[in-house]
Amino acid sequence: MAIGPGDTLPEAKLAKMGADGPEVVDLNELGKGKKMVVFALPGAFTGTCSTAHLPSFIRTIDDLKAKGVDDVVCVSVNDVFVLQAWGEQTGATEAGIKILADGDGSFTEAMGRSFSAAPVGLMNRSKRYAMVVEDGKIVTLQEEENPGVCDVSGGEAILETL
């Protein structure tokens, strides 16, 4: 069952690349007492994710922070090595976006937003969505009906909700 506005984020142990290798990140601990924008996408280095979704948050991160957002977090069902390379190549890391790996897809499953598209090699990936989370509680959540578009879940659309 998908969770949404008014619900608490599920327990999530995600990963990021640290100075000495992969590190575990507790999403709930990261968001404790903070306002975060968390956006999820099907995969690093994929079409819409690389040309529209991630760039929309790179463009709007300063405006989001001006509206009181403490952290902008990208979650993808990829490994930390791929996400580190993607974050560096796109400028997202430099912009301050925290890119976190949901390597086993457990957070995506707990959110109720897993899908597979076997013809293009995407198995057990995340649907495309973005949410505003305050102190662990989902305030707004906007999900795309089609993973190939980025209309309601992009940075500008989320900025309008704040």
Protein backbone atom coordinates (compact mmCIF):
# COMPACT_ATOMS: atom_id res chain seq x y z
CA MET A 1 0.00 0.00 0.00
CA ALA A 2 1.35 3.43 -0.94
CA ILE A 3 1.87 5.94 1.82
CA GLY A 4 1.28 9.65 1.38
CA PRO A 5 0.56 13.00 3.00
CA GLY A 6 0.04 12.75 6.75
CA ASP A 7 2.01 9.49 6.98
CA THR A 8 5.40 9.11 8.62
CA LEU A 9 8.34 8.12 6.44
CA PRO A 10 9.09 4.41 6.68
CA GLU A 11 12.29 3.32 8.38
CA ALA A 12 15.02 3.65 5.78
CA LYS A 13 18.66 2.72 5.77
CA LEU A 14 20.02 4.20 2.57
CA ALA A 15 23.62 4.64 1.49
CA LYS A 16 25.95 7.36 0.25
CA MET A 17 29.56 7.41 -0.77
CA GLY A 18 31.74 8.74 2.03
CA ALA A 19 35.44 9.58 2.14
CA ASP A 20 36.31 5.98 3.06
CA GLY A 21 33.67 4.19 0.98
CA PRO A 22 29.94 3.51 1.30
CA GLU A 23 28.20 4.81 4.43
CA VAL A 24 24.75 4.03 5.83
CA VAL A 25 22.36 6.97 6.09
CA ASP A 26 19.27 6.74 8.27
CA LEU A 27 16.75 8.91 6.39
CA ASN A 28 14.63 9.42 9.49
CA GLU A 29 17.63 10.56 11.51
CA LEU A 30 18.72 12.86 8.68
CA GLY A 31 15.28 14.49 8.65
CA LYS A 32 14.77 14.77 12.41
CA GLY A 33 13.64 18.33 13.17
CA LYS A 34 14.14 19.38 9.54
CA LYS A 35 12.15 20.23 6.45
CA MET A 36 13.33 18.15 3.50
CA VAL A 37 12.39 17.70 -0.10
CA VAL A 38 12.85 14.07 -1.06
CA PHE A 39 12.53 13.13 -4.69
CA ALA A 40 12.78 9.64 -6.14
CA LEU A 41 13.37 8.52 -9.66
CA PRO A 42 13.77 5.32 -11.70
CA GLY A 43 17.53 5.44 -12.21
CA ALA A 44 20.75 7.35 -12.56
CA PHE A 45 21.93 7.98 -16.12
CA THR A 46 18.45 7.34 -17.53
CA GLY A 47 16.70 9.74 -19.89
CA THR A 48 14.15 11.83 -18.01
CA CYS A 49 16.04 11.43 -14.72
CA SER A 50 19.18 12.99 -16.20
CA THR A 51 17.65 15.54 -18.55
CA ALA A 52 14.68 16.81 -16.53
CA HIS A 53 14.17 15.56 -12.97
CA LEU A 54 17.60 15.99 -11.37
CA PRO A 55 18.33 19.23 -13.29
CA SER A 56 15.05 20.73 -12.02
CA PHE A 57 16.29 20.39 -8.44
CA ILE A 58 19.75 21.69 -9.31
CA ARG A 59 18.01 24.80 -10.73
CA THR A 60 15.70 25.28 -7.74
CA ILE A 61 17.79 24.23 -4.73
CA ASP A 62 18.56 27.82 -3.71
CA ASP A 63 14.89 28.80 -3.99
CA LEU A 64 13.85 25.74 -1.99
CA LYS A 65 16.33 26.60 0.74
CA ALA A 66 15.06 30.19 0.75
CA LYS A 67 11.61 28.72 1.53
CA GLY A 68 12.96 26.91 4.59
CA VAL A 69 14.03 23.56 3.13
CA ASP A 70 17.05 22.22 5.02
CA ASP A 71 17.97 19.35 2.69
CA VAL A 72 17.16 18.24 -0.83
CA VAL A 73 17.51 14.47 -1.13
CA CYS A 74 17.44 12.30 -4.25
CA VAL A 75 16.69 8.59 -3.79
CA SER A 76 17.27 6.00 -6.49
CA VAL A 77 17.39 2.20 -6.62
CA ASN A 78 21.02 2.15 -7.73
CA ASP A 79 24.29 1.39 -5.99
CA VAL A 80 26.37 4.09 -4.30
CA PHE A 81 29.13 3.89 -6.92
CA VAL A 82 26.78 4.69 -9.79
CA LEU A 83 25.09 7.45 -7.80
CA GLN A 84 28.41 9.03 -6.83
CA ALA A 85 29.48 9.18 -10.48
CA TRP A 86 26.07 10.54 -11.55
CA GLY A 87 26.06 13.20 -8.84
CA GLU A 88 29.52 14.37 -9.80
CA GLN A 89 28.88 14.27 -13.56
CA THR A 90 25.62 16.22 -13.37
CA GLY A 91 26.76 18.83 -10.83
CA ALA A 92 24.12 17.70 -8.32
CA THR A 93 26.72 16.91 -5.64
CA GLU A 94 28.33 20.31 -6.06
CA ALA A 95 24.88 21.95 -5.89
CA GLY A 96 24.29 20.34 -2.48
CA ILE A 97 21.78 17.64 -3.36
CA LYS A 98 22.18 14.57 -1.17
CA ILE A 99 22.02 11.55 -3.48
CA LEU A 100 21.17 8.38 -1.59
CA ALA A 101 21.12 4.79 -2.77
CA ASP A 102 18.19 2.50 -2.03
CA GLY A 103 20.30 -0.41 -3.24
CA ASP A 104 17.90 -3.20 -2.30
CA GLY A 105 14.75 -1.18 -3.01
CA SER A 106 13.42 -1.62 0.53
CA PHE A 107 12.59 2.08 1.02
CA THR A 108 10.88 2.19 -2.38
CA GLU A 109 8.86 -0.91 -1.46
CA ALA A 110 7.92 0.55 1.93
CA MET A 111 6.75 3.73 0.16
CA GLY A 112 4.58 1.55 -2.10
CA ARG A 113 6.21 2.95 -5.22
CA SER A 114 8.12 0.10 -6.85
CA PHE A 115 7.68 -0.75 -10.52
CA SER A 116 9.41 -2.79 -13.21
CA ALA A 117 9.80 -2.08 -16.92
CA ALA A 118 11.47 -5.21 -18.25
CA PRO A 119 11.59 -4.09 -21.90
CA VAL A 120 14.03 -1.30 -20.95
CA GLY A 121 15.87 -3.25 -18.26
CA LEU A 122 14.46 -1.45 -15.23
CA MET A 123 13.57 -3.99 -12.58
CA ASN A 124 12.16 -3.12 -9.15
CA ARG A 125 12.80 0.59 -9.58
CA SER A 126 11.16 3.62 -8.01
CA LYS A 127 8.28 5.49 -9.52
CA ARG A 128 9.00 9.18 -10.09
CA TYR A 129 7.75 11.39 -7.26
CA ALA A 130 8.72 14.21 -4.93
CA MET A 131 7.60 15.05 -1.44
CA VAL A 132 8.00 17.65 1.25
CA VAL A 133 8.77 16.03 4.60
CA GLU A 134 8.76 17.88 7.92
CA ASP A 135 10.30 16.14 10.92
CA GLY A 136 9.66 12.74 9.36
CA LYS A 137 6.05 13.38 8.33
CA ILE A 138 5.03 13.64 4.67
CA VAL A 139 3.37 17.01 4.07
CA THR A 140 2.91 16.86 0.30
CA LEU A 141 3.63 14.13 -2.23
CA GLN A 142 3.37 14.51 -5.99
CA GLU A 143 3.77 11.41 -8.16
CA GLU A 144 4.01 11.15 -11.92
CA GLU A 145 1.58 8.78 -13.62
CA ASN A 146 4.19 7.93 -16.25
CA PRO A 147 7.85 7.44 -15.27
CA GLY A 148 8.97 9.05 -18.55
CA VAL A 149 7.64 12.51 -17.65
CA CYS A 150 8.56 15.07 -15.04
CA ASP A 151 5.69 17.49 -14.62
CA VAL A 152 4.31 17.37 -11.07
CA SER A 153 7.45 16.03 -9.36
CA GLY A 154 10.05 18.49 -10.61
CA GLY A 155 11.77 21.17 -8.58
CA GLU A 156 9.59 23.98 -9.86
CA ALA A 157 6.37 22.06 -9.11
CA ILE A 158 7.50 21.29 -5.54
CA LEU A 159 8.62 24.89 -5.03
CA GLU A 160 5.06 25.99 -5.83
CA THR A 161 3.74 23.86 -2.94
CA LEU A 162 5.85 25.68 -0.32
